[in-house]
Amino acid sequence: MKKIRAAVLTAAVVASTVLAATPAQALSHCPRGTGTIICEYGVATVNTQRGVQYEFAIGTDLAAYARTKTSTTNWTNWSSLGGKWLSGISLVKINGSYPGYGNIEFAISATGGGDRDWTDLYAWDGTRTGWFLVTGDPY
């Protein structure tokens, strides 16, 4: 778990360092699919081994959102993952490479209030753990 947290925390810090200093009212909005996202936070994407493409973004309400598509389907509508985030979504491919986490394909993370980092793990079958706080020294 410490290696997963270290990888996710490192990705989150790199992705959010510059953006965390931007006041919320200064952020611009971009239409994307059926919704509107915060442009400066960007979109994190991943293609899974099941052939599902995910996009993750932060909406104008500062909640995290996800949408998916396959080679035979169109993009779904954005679905809220909740939270109130101060950074974009960071994504780390895990591919079951950490002991005890053989069923985890990738992790997303974001920085919330108090500059605290949260993570959500996605399993090979598309299920997820739900957000959990990254605590303690990840190294």
Protein backbone atom coordinates (compact mmCIF):
# COMPACT_ATOMS: atom_id res chain seq x y z
CA MET A 1 0.00 0.00 0.00
CA LYS A 2 2.88 2.40 0.72
CA LYS A 3 4.22 2.02 -2.85
CA ILE A 4 0.77 2.69 -4.31
CA ARG A 5 0.35 5.72 -2.10
CA ALA A 6 3.85 6.94 -3.01
CA ALA A 7 3.17 6.64 -6.73
CA VAL A 8 -0.26 8.26 -6.48
CA LEU A 9 0.95 11.00 -4.16
CA THR A 10 3.90 11.80 -6.43
CA ALA A 11 1.62 12.03 -9.46
CA ALA A 12 -0.84 14.23 -7.56
CA VAL A 13 1.86 16.60 -6.33
CA VAL A 14 3.34 17.02 -9.80
CA ALA A 15 -0.04 17.59 -11.43
CA SER A 16 -1.45 19.94 -8.81
CA THR A 17 1.52 22.05 -7.71
CA VAL A 18 1.01 24.78 -10.28
CA LEU A 19 -2.79 24.69 -10.32
CA ALA A 20 -3.32 24.71 -6.56
CA ALA A 21 -2.24 28.35 -6.43
CA THR A 22 -4.88 29.43 -8.97
CA PRO A 23 -7.91 31.09 -7.31
CA ALA A 24 -11.14 29.24 -8.14
CA GLN A 25 -12.76 32.34 -9.63
CA ALA A 26 -9.86 32.66 -12.13
CA LEU A 27 -10.43 29.20 -13.62
CA SER A 28 -12.00 28.98 -17.05
CA HIS A 29 -14.70 26.56 -18.17
CA CYS A 30 -14.59 24.32 -21.26
CA PRO A 31 -17.45 22.34 -22.78
CA ARG A 32 -16.57 18.65 -23.04
CA GLY A 33 -19.09 16.08 -24.15
CA THR A 34 -22.34 16.55 -22.26
CA GLY A 35 -20.80 18.74 -19.56
CA THR A 36 -18.48 21.59 -18.72
CA ILE A 37 -15.12 21.12 -17.02
CA ILE A 38 -12.42 23.35 -15.59
CA CYS A 39 -10.01 23.89 -18.48
CA GLU A 40 -6.85 24.41 -16.42
CA TYR A 41 -7.29 21.07 -14.62
CA GLY A 42 -7.36 19.14 -17.88
CA VAL A 43 -8.60 15.62 -18.53
CA ALA A 44 -6.93 12.40 -17.36
CA THR A 45 -7.46 9.46 -19.71
CA VAL A 46 -6.75 5.76 -19.58
CA ASN A 47 -7.46 2.78 -21.81
CA THR A 48 -8.10 -0.38 -19.83
CA GLN A 49 -7.24 -3.93 -20.82
CA ARG A 50 -11.01 -4.59 -21.09
CA GLY A 51 -11.14 -2.07 -23.95
CA VAL A 52 -12.84 0.69 -21.98
CA GLN A 53 -11.58 4.23 -22.32
CA TYR A 54 -12.06 6.46 -19.26
CA GLU A 55 -11.91 10.23 -19.01
CA PHE A 56 -11.70 11.98 -15.64
CA ALA A 57 -12.14 15.72 -15.10
CA ILE A 58 -13.15 18.31 -12.54
CA GLY A 59 -16.52 19.98 -13.17
CA THR A 60 -17.43 23.60 -12.58
CA ASP A 61 -18.87 22.58 -9.18
CA LEU A 62 -15.34 21.27 -8.32
CA ALA A 63 -16.58 17.65 -8.11
CA ALA A 64 -14.72 14.89 -9.96
CA TYR A 65 -16.45 13.34 -12.96
CA ALA A 66 -15.88 10.28 -15.14
CA ARG A 67 -17.17 9.09 -18.47
CA THR A 68 -16.43 5.98 -20.52
CA LYS A 69 -16.63 4.54 -24.01
CA THR A 70 -15.65 1.41 -25.86
CA SER A 71 -14.85 0.76 -29.52
CA THR A 72 -18.54 -0.03 -30.08
CA THR A 73 -20.18 2.66 -27.92
CA ASN A 74 -20.31 6.44 -27.73
CA TRP A 75 -19.15 8.39 -24.70
CA THR A 76 -21.46 8.08 -21.70
CA ASN A 77 -22.69 11.18 -19.92
CA TRP A 78 -20.40 12.48 -17.19
CA SER A 79 -21.00 10.73 -13.85
CA SER A 80 -20.10 12.42 -10.57
CA LEU A 81 -17.45 10.84 -8.37
CA GLY A 82 -18.08 13.49 -5.73
CA GLY A 83 -15.69 15.56 -3.70
CA LYS A 84 -14.64 19.18 -3.86
CA TRP A 85 -11.21 19.31 -5.49
CA LEU A 86 -8.43 21.88 -5.69
CA SER A 87 -6.52 20.11 -8.46
CA GLY A 88 -7.03 18.10 -11.58
CA ILE A 89 -7.19 14.32 -11.56
CA SER A 90 -3.87 12.45 -11.61
CA LEU A 91 -3.82 8.91 -12.93
CA VAL A 92 -1.33 6.10 -12.30
CA LYS A 93 -1.43 2.72 -14.06
CA ILE A 94 -0.85 -0.04 -11.49
CA ASN A 95 -1.73 -3.16 -13.51
CA GLY A 96 -1.68 -5.40 -10.44
CA SER A 97 2.02 -4.73 -9.88
CA TYR A 98 1.84 -4.19 -6.12
CA PRO A 99 1.62 -7.11 -3.66
CA GLY A 100 -1.89 -7.47 -2.33
CA TYR A 101 -3.37 -5.34 -5.12
CA GLY A 102 -3.40 -7.81 -8.00
CA ASN A 103 -6.92 -6.79 -8.95
CA ILE A 104 -6.15 -3.05 -9.29
CA GLU A 105 -5.54 -1.70 -12.80
CA PHE A 106 -5.16 2.03 -12.12
CA ALA A 107 -5.55 4.73 -9.48
CA ILE A 108 -6.81 8.28 -9.69
CA SER A 109 -6.05 10.97 -7.16
CA ALA A 110 -6.82 14.62 -6.48
CA THR A 111 -6.08 17.23 -3.85
CA GLY A 112 -8.98 18.30 -1.65
CA GLY A 113 -9.48 20.87 1.09
CA GLY A 114 -6.56 21.45 3.41
CA ASP A 115 -4.25 20.30 0.59
CA ARG A 116 -4.98 16.67 1.49
CA ASP A 117 -4.56 14.00 -1.18
CA TRP A 118 -7.29 11.45 -1.89
CA THR A 119 -7.16 8.32 -4.03
CA ASP A 120 -9.65 6.01 -5.72
CA LEU A 121 -8.51 2.59 -6.98
CA TYR A 122 -10.06 0.93 -10.05
CA ALA A 123 -10.07 -2.86 -10.39
CA TRP A 124 -9.79 -4.86 -13.62
CA ASP A 125 -13.56 -5.46 -13.61
CA GLY A 126 -14.36 -1.72 -13.46
CA THR A 127 -15.30 -1.59 -9.78
CA ARG A 128 -13.67 1.04 -7.58
CA THR A 129 -12.78 1.44 -3.93
CA GLY A 130 -14.22 4.91 -3.50
CA TRP A 131 -12.16 7.88 -2.35
CA PHE A 132 -9.82 7.37 0.60
CA LEU A 133 -7.43 9.79 2.26
CA VAL A 134 -3.73 9.24 1.62
CA THR A 135 -2.32 9.38 5.14
CA GLY A 136 1.08 9.12 6.72
CA ASP A 137 4.46 9.18 5.06
CA PRO A 138 4.10 7.37 1.72
CA TYR A 139 7.83 6.64 1.57
